[in-house]
Amino acid sequence: MGEGHRARMTARFLKGGFDNFEEHEVLEYMLFYALPRVNTNDIAHRLLKKFGSLAGVLEAGEADIALVKGMG
């Protein structure tokens, strides 16, 4: 991601919440706080691919999430 990506996403969130975010962007934004200085976009896509949806990721067990590259 380009320089300032996190700041731009934060500005978008502060302006309108998650209403105009795609599922991967919501997850990416949430991961910003758990994984500083890491490209969370790729991880968000991997999580969604494995668990099928944002709800699936949020309902997944810690052990299953840890198996996803970048989360372990």
N, C-alpha and C. Protein backbone atom coordinates (compact mmCIF):
# COMPACT_ATOMS: atom_id res chain seq x y z
N MET A 1 0.84 -1.18 0.00
CA MET A 1 0.00 0.00 0.00
C MET A 1 0.88 1.24 0.00
N GLY A 2 0.37 2.29 -0.55
CA GLY A 2 1.13 3.53 -0.64
C GLY A 2 1.24 4.24 0.70
N GLU A 3 2.19 5.14 0.72
CA GLU A 3 2.39 5.95 1.92
C GLU A 3 1.11 6.72 2.24
N GLY A 4 0.72 6.76 3.49
CA GLY A 4 -0.47 7.47 3.90
C GLY A 4 -1.76 6.66 3.80
N HIS A 5 -1.65 5.39 3.40
CA HIS A 5 -2.84 4.56 3.23
C HIS A 5 -3.65 4.47 4.52
N ARG A 6 -3.00 4.22 5.63
CA ARG A 6 -3.72 4.11 6.90
C ARG A 6 -4.40 5.43 7.27
N ALA A 7 -3.72 6.53 7.03
CA ALA A 7 -4.31 7.84 7.34
C ALA A 7 -5.54 8.09 6.46
N ARG A 8 -5.47 7.71 5.18
CA ARG A 8 -6.62 7.90 4.29
C ARG A 8 -7.79 7.02 4.73
N MET A 9 -7.50 5.79 5.10
CA MET A 9 -8.58 4.90 5.55
C MET A 9 -9.18 5.41 6.86
N THR A 10 -8.36 5.92 7.75
CA THR A 10 -8.87 6.47 9.00
C THR A 10 -9.76 7.68 8.73
N ALA A 11 -9.35 8.53 7.81
CA ALA A 11 -10.16 9.70 7.45
C ALA A 11 -11.51 9.26 6.87
N ARG A 12 -11.49 8.24 6.02
CA ARG A 12 -12.75 7.70 5.46
C ARG A 12 -13.65 7.18 6.55
N PHE A 13 -13.06 6.44 7.50
CA PHE A 13 -13.84 5.88 8.60
C PHE A 13 -14.44 6.99 9.45
N LEU A 14 -13.65 7.99 9.79
CA LEU A 14 -14.13 9.09 10.62
C LEU A 14 -15.23 9.89 9.92
N LYS A 15 -15.17 9.96 8.61
CA LYS A 15 -16.17 10.70 7.85
C LYS A 15 -17.50 9.94 7.75
N GLY A 16 -17.44 8.62 7.58
CA GLY A 16 -18.69 7.90 7.33
C GLY A 16 -18.80 6.54 7.96
N GLY A 17 -17.93 6.22 8.89
CA GLY A 17 -17.97 4.88 9.48
C GLY A 17 -17.64 3.83 8.45
N PHE A 18 -18.14 2.63 8.67
CA PHE A 18 -17.85 1.52 7.76
C PHE A 18 -18.87 1.40 6.63
N ASP A 19 -19.81 2.34 6.54
CA ASP A 19 -20.88 2.24 5.54
C ASP A 19 -20.38 2.09 4.11
N ASN A 20 -19.30 2.76 3.76
CA ASN A 20 -18.80 2.70 2.39
C ASN A 20 -17.54 1.86 2.25
N PHE A 21 -17.30 0.98 3.18
CA PHE A 21 -16.14 0.09 3.13
C PHE A 21 -16.58 -1.28 2.61
N GLU A 22 -15.71 -1.92 1.84
CA GLU A 22 -15.89 -3.32 1.46
C GLU A 22 -15.48 -4.18 2.65
N GLU A 23 -15.89 -5.45 2.66
CA GLU A 23 -15.56 -6.33 3.78
C GLU A 23 -14.06 -6.38 4.05
N HIS A 24 -13.27 -6.50 2.99
CA HIS A 24 -11.82 -6.60 3.20
C HIS A 24 -11.26 -5.31 3.80
N GLU A 25 -11.87 -4.18 3.48
CA GLU A 25 -11.40 -2.91 4.03
C GLU A 25 -11.73 -2.79 5.52
N VAL A 26 -12.90 -3.27 5.92
CA VAL A 26 -13.26 -3.27 7.35
C VAL A 26 -12.25 -4.11 8.11
N LEU A 27 -11.99 -5.30 7.61
CA LEU A 27 -11.05 -6.20 8.27
C LEU A 27 -9.64 -5.61 8.27
N GLU A 28 -9.24 -5.05 7.16
CA GLU A 28 -7.93 -4.41 7.06
C GLU A 28 -7.80 -3.30 8.10
N TYR A 29 -8.82 -2.47 8.23
CA TYR A 29 -8.81 -1.37 9.20
C TYR A 29 -8.70 -1.91 10.63
N MET A 30 -9.44 -2.95 10.91
CA MET A 30 -9.39 -3.55 12.25
C MET A 30 -8.00 -4.11 12.55
N LEU A 31 -7.36 -4.67 11.54
CA LEU A 31 -6.04 -5.26 11.73
C LEU A 31 -4.94 -4.22 11.90
N PHE A 32 -5.19 -2.97 11.48
CA PHE A 32 -4.20 -1.91 11.65
C PHE A 32 -3.70 -1.86 13.09
N TYR A 33 -4.62 -2.04 14.03
CA TYR A 33 -4.29 -1.87 15.45
C TYR A 33 -3.60 -3.09 16.04
N ALA A 34 -3.82 -4.23 15.46
CA ALA A 34 -3.18 -5.46 15.95
C ALA A 34 -1.82 -5.69 15.30
N LEU A 35 -1.65 -5.17 14.08
CA LEU A 35 -0.44 -5.44 13.32
C LEU A 35 0.15 -4.13 12.77
N PRO A 36 0.75 -3.33 13.64
CA PRO A 36 1.34 -2.08 13.16
C PRO A 36 2.49 -2.35 12.19
N ARG A 37 2.64 -1.49 11.22
CA ARG A 37 3.74 -1.55 10.24
C ARG A 37 3.70 -2.82 9.38
N VAL A 38 2.52 -3.38 9.19
CA VAL A 38 2.35 -4.56 8.34
C VAL A 38 1.27 -4.25 7.31
N ASN A 39 1.44 -4.75 6.07
CA ASN A 39 0.42 -4.60 5.05
C ASN A 39 -0.75 -5.51 5.40
N THR A 40 -1.78 -4.95 5.98
CA THR A 40 -2.91 -5.75 6.44
C THR A 40 -3.90 -6.07 5.32
N ASN A 41 -3.76 -5.43 4.17
CA ASN A 41 -4.66 -5.70 3.05
C ASN A 41 -4.54 -7.15 2.61
N ASP A 42 -3.33 -7.62 2.41
CA ASP A 42 -3.12 -9.01 1.98
C ASP A 42 -3.66 -10.00 3.01
N ILE A 43 -3.43 -9.72 4.27
CA ILE A 43 -3.90 -10.60 5.34
C ILE A 43 -5.42 -10.62 5.37
N ALA A 44 -6.04 -9.46 5.22
CA ALA A 44 -7.50 -9.37 5.20
C ALA A 44 -8.08 -10.24 4.08
N HIS A 45 -7.48 -10.16 2.90
CA HIS A 45 -7.95 -10.98 1.78
C HIS A 45 -7.78 -12.47 2.06
N ARG A 46 -6.65 -12.86 2.66
CA ARG A 46 -6.44 -14.27 2.99
C ARG A 46 -7.47 -14.76 4.01
N LEU A 47 -7.75 -13.94 5.02
CA LEU A 47 -8.74 -14.31 6.04
C LEU A 47 -10.12 -14.49 5.42
N LEU A 48 -10.50 -13.56 4.56
CA LEU A 48 -11.82 -13.66 3.92
C LEU A 48 -11.91 -14.86 3.00
N LYS A 49 -10.83 -15.17 2.32
CA LYS A 49 -10.82 -16.35 1.44
C LYS A 49 -11.01 -17.62 2.26
N LYS A 50 -10.32 -17.69 3.40
CA LYS A 50 -10.40 -18.90 4.23
C LYS A 50 -11.76 -19.04 4.92
N PHE A 51 -12.31 -17.93 5.43
CA PHE A 51 -13.51 -18.01 6.26
C PHE A 51 -14.79 -17.56 5.55
N GLY A 52 -14.66 -17.07 4.31
CA GLY A 52 -15.82 -16.81 3.48
C GLY A 52 -16.48 -15.45 3.61
N SER A 53 -16.35 -14.81 4.74
CA SER A 53 -17.00 -13.50 4.94
C SER A 53 -16.41 -12.85 6.19
N LEU A 54 -16.74 -11.58 6.37
CA LEU A 54 -16.30 -10.88 7.58
C LEU A 54 -16.88 -11.56 8.82
N ALA A 55 -18.15 -11.93 8.75
CA ALA A 55 -18.78 -12.62 9.87
C ALA A 55 -18.05 -13.94 10.16
N GLY A 56 -17.66 -14.65 9.11
CA GLY A 56 -16.93 -15.90 9.28
C GLY A 56 -15.60 -15.70 9.98
N VAL A 57 -14.91 -14.61 9.63
CA VAL A 57 -13.63 -14.30 10.28
C VAL A 57 -13.87 -13.99 11.75
N LEU A 58 -14.87 -13.16 12.03
CA LEU A 58 -15.14 -12.76 13.41
C LEU A 58 -15.61 -13.92 14.28
N GLU A 59 -16.21 -14.92 13.67
CA GLU A 59 -16.69 -16.09 14.40
C GLU A 59 -15.64 -17.20 14.50
N ALA A 60 -14.57 -17.09 13.74
CA ALA A 60 -13.54 -18.14 13.71
C ALA A 60 -12.79 -18.20 15.04
N GLY A 61 -12.31 -19.38 15.34
CA GLY A 61 -11.53 -19.57 16.55
C GLY A 61 -10.11 -19.04 16.40
N GLU A 62 -9.53 -18.71 17.52
CA GLU A 62 -8.18 -18.17 17.54
C GLU A 62 -7.18 -19.11 16.86
N ALA A 63 -7.30 -20.39 17.12
CA ALA A 63 -6.37 -21.37 16.54
C ALA A 63 -6.49 -21.41 15.02
N ASP A 64 -7.71 -21.31 14.51
CA ASP A 64 -7.91 -21.31 13.05
C ASP A 64 -7.36 -20.03 12.42
N ILE A 65 -7.58 -18.92 13.07
CA ILE A 65 -7.06 -17.64 12.55
C ILE A 65 -5.54 -17.66 12.54
N ALA A 66 -4.94 -18.23 13.56
CA ALA A 66 -3.48 -18.28 13.66
C ALA A 66 -2.84 -19.05 12.52
N LEU A 67 -3.59 -19.92 11.85
CA LEU A 67 -3.08 -20.71 10.74
C LEU A 67 -2.95 -19.90 9.44
N VAL A 68 -3.58 -18.75 9.39
CA VAL A 68 -3.54 -17.90 8.20
C VAL A 68 -2.22 -17.15 8.16
N LYS A 69 -1.55 -17.19 7.01
CA LYS A 69 -0.25 -16.51 6.88
C LYS A 69 -0.36 -15.05 7.30
N GLY A 70 0.53 -14.64 8.18
CA GLY A 70 0.55 -13.27 8.69
C GLY A 70 -0.14 -13.11 10.03
N MET A 71 -0.90 -14.11 10.43
CA MET A 71 -1.64 -14.01 11.69
C MET A 71 -1.04 -14.86 12.79
N GLY A 72 -0.25 -15.85 12.45
CA GLY A 72 0.25 -16.81 13.44
C GLY A 72 1.29 -16.28 14.39
